[in-house]
Amino acid sequence: MLQIETYSAIETYQFGEKLGGLVKPGDVFSLIGDLGVGKTVFTQGFAKGLNIEEPINSPTFTIVQVYEEGRLPLYHFDVYRIGDIEEMDEIGYEDYFYGKGVCLIEWANLIKDILPQNIIEITIEKDLDQGFDYRKIRVENMGDRE
C-alpha cells in the first residue's frame, strides 16, 4: 500500500499524473471518495500522465467516457447512477475491464461483484482539521489481500 498526503488541488493532480505515467495495459483502478473530494482533479492528472490532452470530465450521466489519444486508451467510468449491475452488461463493461487500455472507475464499490480480482483501489479522503485542500490518498492492490 502507498499513502500520500496532498495539500492542494495541484498536488493531487500531480500525483494522478505520476501514477498515470506508470500504468500498463489492462490495469483497472477503483476511485473511491466522497463528492467533492477531488476525484475529477486526480483523474485529470492521471489522464495527463497517459499523454491525453483533451478535457477530462466526470462521465456521471454517460457511465463511461473513452479517451483513445494517449499512450494507452483510458476508460473513465462513473457508476454512481447505476441502478442495476445489468446496466454494465449493456455497455459491454468486460471489453473495457479486460481490454488493452486502462480503466478508472469512480464509485467502483457499487459494482464490486463484477470487478476484476486484481483491481487497484485509490481512496481519496479529506480531513478539514488538516486544511481545506488537504487530501490523504491511498493506493492499494486489492489482489494482494487474502
Protein backbone atom coordinates (compact mmCIF):
# COMPACT_ATOMS: atom_id res chain seq x y z
CA MET A 1 0.00 0.00 0.00
CA LEU A 2 1.12 3.53 -0.81
CA GLN A 3 -0.23 6.51 1.09
CA ILE A 4 0.49 10.15 0.38
CA GLU A 5 -0.85 13.47 1.58
CA THR A 6 -1.51 16.43 -0.68
CA TYR A 7 -2.19 19.98 0.38
CA SER A 8 -3.56 21.49 -2.85
CA ALA A 9 -5.51 20.55 -5.95
CA ILE A 10 -2.25 20.95 -7.90
CA GLU A 11 -0.51 18.34 -5.74
CA THR A 12 -3.47 15.95 -6.14
CA TYR A 13 -3.32 16.49 -9.92
CA GLN A 14 0.44 15.90 -9.94
CA PHE A 15 0.12 12.65 -8.01
CA GLY A 16 -2.53 11.48 -10.50
CA GLU A 17 -0.19 12.43 -13.35
CA LYS A 18 2.68 10.48 -11.81
CA LEU A 19 0.53 7.39 -11.34
CA GLY A 20 -0.91 7.69 -14.86
CA GLY A 21 2.63 7.66 -16.22
CA LEU A 22 3.29 4.28 -14.58
CA VAL A 23 0.22 2.29 -15.62
CA LYS A 24 0.20 -0.57 -18.10
CA PRO A 25 -2.43 -2.09 -20.40
CA GLY A 26 -5.15 -3.95 -18.52
CA ASP A 27 -4.76 -2.04 -15.25
CA VAL A 28 -8.09 -1.41 -13.53
CA PHE A 29 -8.39 1.19 -10.78
CA SER A 30 -11.28 1.92 -8.48
CA LEU A 31 -11.51 5.52 -7.34
CA ILE A 32 -13.27 5.90 -4.01
CA GLY A 33 -14.10 9.18 -2.30
CA ASP A 34 -16.97 11.38 -1.26
CA LEU A 35 -18.45 14.01 -3.54
CA GLY A 36 -16.11 16.98 -3.85
CA VAL A 37 -13.05 15.16 -2.58
CA GLY A 38 -11.02 15.66 -5.77
CA LYS A 39 -11.68 12.55 -7.88
CA THR A 40 -12.02 14.59 -11.07
CA VAL A 41 -8.83 16.59 -10.38
CA PHE A 42 -6.98 13.33 -9.72
CA THR A 43 -8.40 11.82 -12.93
CA GLN A 44 -7.36 14.86 -14.96
CA GLY A 45 -3.79 14.39 -13.73
CA PHE A 46 -4.00 10.63 -14.34
CA ALA A 47 -5.05 11.29 -17.96
CA LYS A 48 -2.20 13.77 -18.39
CA GLY A 49 0.18 11.00 -17.27
CA LEU A 50 -1.19 8.94 -20.15
CA ASN A 51 -0.44 11.87 -22.52
CA ILE A 52 -4.14 12.60 -23.01
CA GLU A 53 -4.61 16.27 -23.81
CA GLU A 54 -8.37 16.54 -24.29
CA PRO A 55 -10.52 17.87 -21.43
CA ILE A 56 -11.47 15.27 -18.80
CA ASN A 57 -14.90 15.47 -17.22
CA SER A 58 -16.73 13.09 -14.95
CA PRO A 59 -18.97 10.78 -17.04
CA THR A 60 -21.77 10.93 -14.47
CA PHE A 61 -24.60 10.70 -16.99
CA THR A 62 -22.87 8.59 -19.67
CA ILE A 63 -21.36 5.96 -17.32
CA VAL A 64 -18.17 5.67 -19.40
CA GLN A 65 -16.05 8.17 -21.29
CA VAL A 66 -13.41 6.81 -23.67
CA TYR A 67 -10.16 8.69 -24.37
CA GLU A 68 -8.06 6.99 -27.04
CA GLU A 69 -5.50 9.62 -27.98
CA GLY A 70 -2.90 8.91 -25.28
CA ARG A 71 -0.16 6.38 -24.69
CA LEU A 72 -2.94 3.93 -23.74
CA PRO A 73 -6.71 4.23 -24.02
CA LEU A 74 -8.37 5.47 -20.83
CA TYR A 75 -11.83 4.19 -19.95
CA HIS A 76 -13.20 6.52 -17.29
CA PHE A 77 -16.30 5.19 -15.57
CA ASP A 78 -18.62 6.89 -13.12
CA VAL A 79 -21.08 4.28 -11.87
CA TYR A 80 -22.70 6.47 -9.20
CA ARG A 81 -26.02 6.45 -11.04
CA ILE A 82 -26.04 2.73 -11.89
CA GLY A 83 -29.39 1.34 -10.78
CA ASP A 84 -28.61 -2.28 -11.59
CA ILE A 85 -25.41 -4.12 -12.50
CA GLU A 86 -27.16 -5.26 -15.70
CA GLU A 87 -26.61 -1.71 -16.97
CA MET A 88 -22.90 -2.53 -17.01
CA ASP A 89 -23.62 -5.54 -19.25
CA GLU A 90 -25.48 -3.25 -21.63
CA ILE A 91 -22.41 -1.06 -22.15
CA GLY A 92 -20.12 -4.07 -22.58
CA TYR A 93 -18.01 -3.45 -19.47
CA GLU A 94 -15.93 -6.61 -19.99
CA ASP A 95 -14.47 -5.19 -23.21
CA TYR A 96 -13.17 -2.28 -21.15
CA PHE A 97 -12.16 -4.13 -17.96
CA TYR A 98 -10.25 -6.82 -19.87
CA GLY A 99 -9.10 -4.72 -22.86
CA LYS A 100 -5.84 -3.10 -23.82
CA GLY A 101 -6.47 0.20 -22.09
CA VAL A 102 -6.65 1.40 -18.51
CA CYS A 103 -9.90 1.64 -16.52
CA LEU A 104 -10.53 4.21 -13.82
CA ILE A 105 -13.86 3.56 -12.10
CA GLU A 106 -15.42 6.15 -9.80
CA TRP A 107 -17.76 4.66 -7.16
CA ALA A 108 -16.50 1.16 -8.02
CA ASN A 109 -17.74 -0.10 -4.66
CA LEU A 110 -21.26 -0.01 -6.20
CA ILE A 111 -20.31 -2.71 -8.74
CA LYS A 112 -17.91 -4.76 -6.62
CA ASP A 113 -19.46 -8.08 -7.73
CA ILE A 114 -18.20 -7.65 -11.31
CA LEU A 115 -14.80 -6.05 -10.67
CA PRO A 116 -11.64 -7.90 -11.72
CA GLN A 117 -9.78 -9.65 -8.94
CA ASN A 118 -6.56 -7.62 -9.22
CA ILE A 119 -8.11 -4.18 -9.07
CA ILE A 120 -6.05 -1.34 -7.65
CA GLU A 121 -8.04 0.77 -5.21
CA ILE A 122 -7.39 4.50 -4.87
CA THR A 123 -9.09 6.16 -1.92
CA ILE A 124 -9.13 9.93 -1.51
CA GLU A 125 -10.19 11.42 1.82
CA LYS A 126 -10.47 14.93 3.23
CA ASP A 127 -9.57 15.97 6.75
CA LEU A 128 -10.69 19.54 7.36
CA ASP A 129 -8.62 19.64 10.55
CA GLN A 130 -5.57 19.48 8.25
CA GLY A 131 -6.87 22.27 5.99
CA PHE A 132 -9.48 22.75 3.28
CA ASP A 133 -7.26 21.42 0.47
CA TYR A 134 -5.69 18.55 2.42
CA ARG A 135 -6.18 15.07 0.94
CA LYS A 136 -5.00 11.65 2.06
CA ILE A 137 -4.63 9.35 -0.94
CA ARG A 138 -4.17 5.59 -0.51
CA VAL A 139 -3.26 3.24 -3.37
CA GLU A 140 -3.70 -0.44 -2.62
CA ASN A 141 -3.56 -3.51 -4.84
CA MET A 142 -6.65 -5.42 -3.78
CA GLY A 143 -5.30 -8.62 -5.37
CA ASP A 144 -2.65 -8.62 -2.63
CA ARG A 145 -5.30 -9.12 0.05
CA GLU A 146 -6.18 -12.53 1.34
